Amino acid sequence: MAQCAYIANVAGTDVLAADAAASGACSSLVVLSADEFANWQNNPLNLSAADGLTVSVAIVGVWAAAFGWRALVRTLNNNDGEPFSE
């Protein structure tokens, strides 16, 4: 279970100390168990900056392709030579 923690100075040395706050109300550090950390690493939404960029480029690419197909279809369906009106 995740536990709140804070860095305390004990006899001139910084140590990690447990905090009594609930894990959802932590204002500083959260300590995870080994299992929680492994699950967090396997989270599909845990992306690096490069992975996030790849996903965003793919989304924009699909949107641009759809926009291009829509423009092509509208152009081919407009046979009267007049500008297309919605």
Protein backbone atom coordinates (compact mmCIF):
# COMPACT_ATOMS: atom_id res chain seq x y z
CA MET A 1 0.00 0.00 0.00
CA ALA A 2 1.30 3.46 -0.84
CA GLN A 3 2.43 5.48 2.13
CA CYS A 4 3.08 9.19 2.58
CA ALA A 5 6.59 10.18 3.56
CA TYR A 6 8.74 13.23 4.06
CA ILE A 7 12.44 13.96 4.39
CA ALA A 8 13.41 14.73 7.99
CA ASN A 9 16.72 15.99 9.31
CA VAL A 10 17.79 13.72 12.16
CA ALA A 11 21.09 14.57 13.84
CA GLY A 12 22.31 16.42 10.75
CA THR A 13 21.37 13.61 8.35
CA ASP A 14 18.38 13.62 6.00
CA VAL A 15 16.23 10.50 6.40
CA LEU A 16 12.96 9.35 4.89
CA ALA A 17 10.24 9.32 7.55
CA ALA A 18 6.68 8.01 7.40
CA ASP A 19 3.84 10.51 7.43
CA ALA A 20 0.50 9.85 9.13
CA ALA A 21 -1.54 11.43 6.32
CA ALA A 22 -3.69 9.28 4.05
CA SER A 23 -1.97 8.38 0.78
CA GLY A 24 -4.50 10.43 -1.21
CA ALA A 25 -3.67 13.57 0.78
CA CYS A 26 0.13 13.49 0.51
CA SER A 27 1.76 16.86 0.09
CA SER A 28 5.31 15.66 -0.47
CA LEU A 29 6.50 12.10 -1.19
CA VAL A 30 4.73 8.77 -1.74
CA VAL A 31 6.52 5.49 -1.08
CA LEU A 32 5.35 2.51 -3.17
CA SER A 33 5.76 -1.19 -2.56
CA ALA A 34 7.64 -3.26 -5.14
CA ASP A 35 4.36 -4.61 -6.56
CA GLU A 36 2.82 -1.14 -6.83
CA PHE A 37 5.91 0.16 -8.60
CA ALA A 38 5.85 -2.75 -11.07
CA ASN A 39 2.17 -2.11 -11.81
CA TRP A 40 2.85 1.60 -12.27
CA GLN A 41 5.63 0.86 -14.78
CA ASN A 42 3.29 -1.40 -16.82
CA ASN A 43 0.62 1.30 -17.05
CA PRO A 44 -0.09 2.01 -20.74
CA LEU A 45 -0.61 5.70 -19.94
CA ASN A 46 2.88 5.98 -18.41
CA LEU A 47 4.56 7.40 -21.53
CA SER A 48 7.92 8.99 -22.11
CA ALA A 49 8.07 12.28 -24.01
CA ALA A 50 9.11 10.44 -27.18
CA ASP A 51 6.22 7.97 -26.84
CA GLY A 52 3.77 10.83 -26.27
CA LEU A 53 5.07 12.59 -29.35
CA THR A 54 4.65 9.42 -31.42
CA VAL A 55 1.03 9.03 -30.28
CA SER A 56 0.20 12.69 -30.93
CA VAL A 57 1.77 12.59 -34.43
CA ALA A 58 -0.25 9.47 -35.22
CA ILE A 59 -3.48 11.15 -34.09
CA VAL A 60 -2.77 14.29 -36.13
CA GLY A 61 -1.84 12.13 -39.13
CA VAL A 62 -5.12 10.22 -39.02
CA TRP A 63 -7.04 13.49 -38.64
CA ALA A 64 -5.19 15.03 -41.62
CA ALA A 65 -5.84 11.96 -43.79
CA ALA A 66 -9.56 12.08 -42.95
CA PHE A 67 -9.67 15.81 -43.71
CA GLY A 68 -7.97 15.21 -47.06
CA TRP A 69 -10.37 12.40 -48.00
CA ARG A 70 -13.34 14.59 -47.03
CA ALA A 71 -12.06 17.44 -49.20
CA LEU A 72 -11.48 15.08 -52.13
CA VAL A 73 -14.96 13.55 -51.87
CA ARG A 74 -16.58 16.98 -51.61
CA THR A 75 -14.65 18.15 -54.67
CA LEU A 76 -15.59 15.10 -56.73
CA ASN A 77 -19.27 15.33 -55.75
CA ASN A 78 -19.55 19.00 -56.72
CA ASN A 79 -20.43 18.68 -60.42
CA ASP A 80 -22.25 21.94 -61.11
CA GLY A 81 -19.15 24.19 -60.95
CA GLU A 82 -20.62 26.29 -58.16
CA PRO A 83 -18.93 26.59 -54.78
CA PHE A 84 -20.11 23.92 -52.35
CA SER A 85 -22.60 25.11 -49.75
CA GLU A 86 -23.33 23.25 -46.54
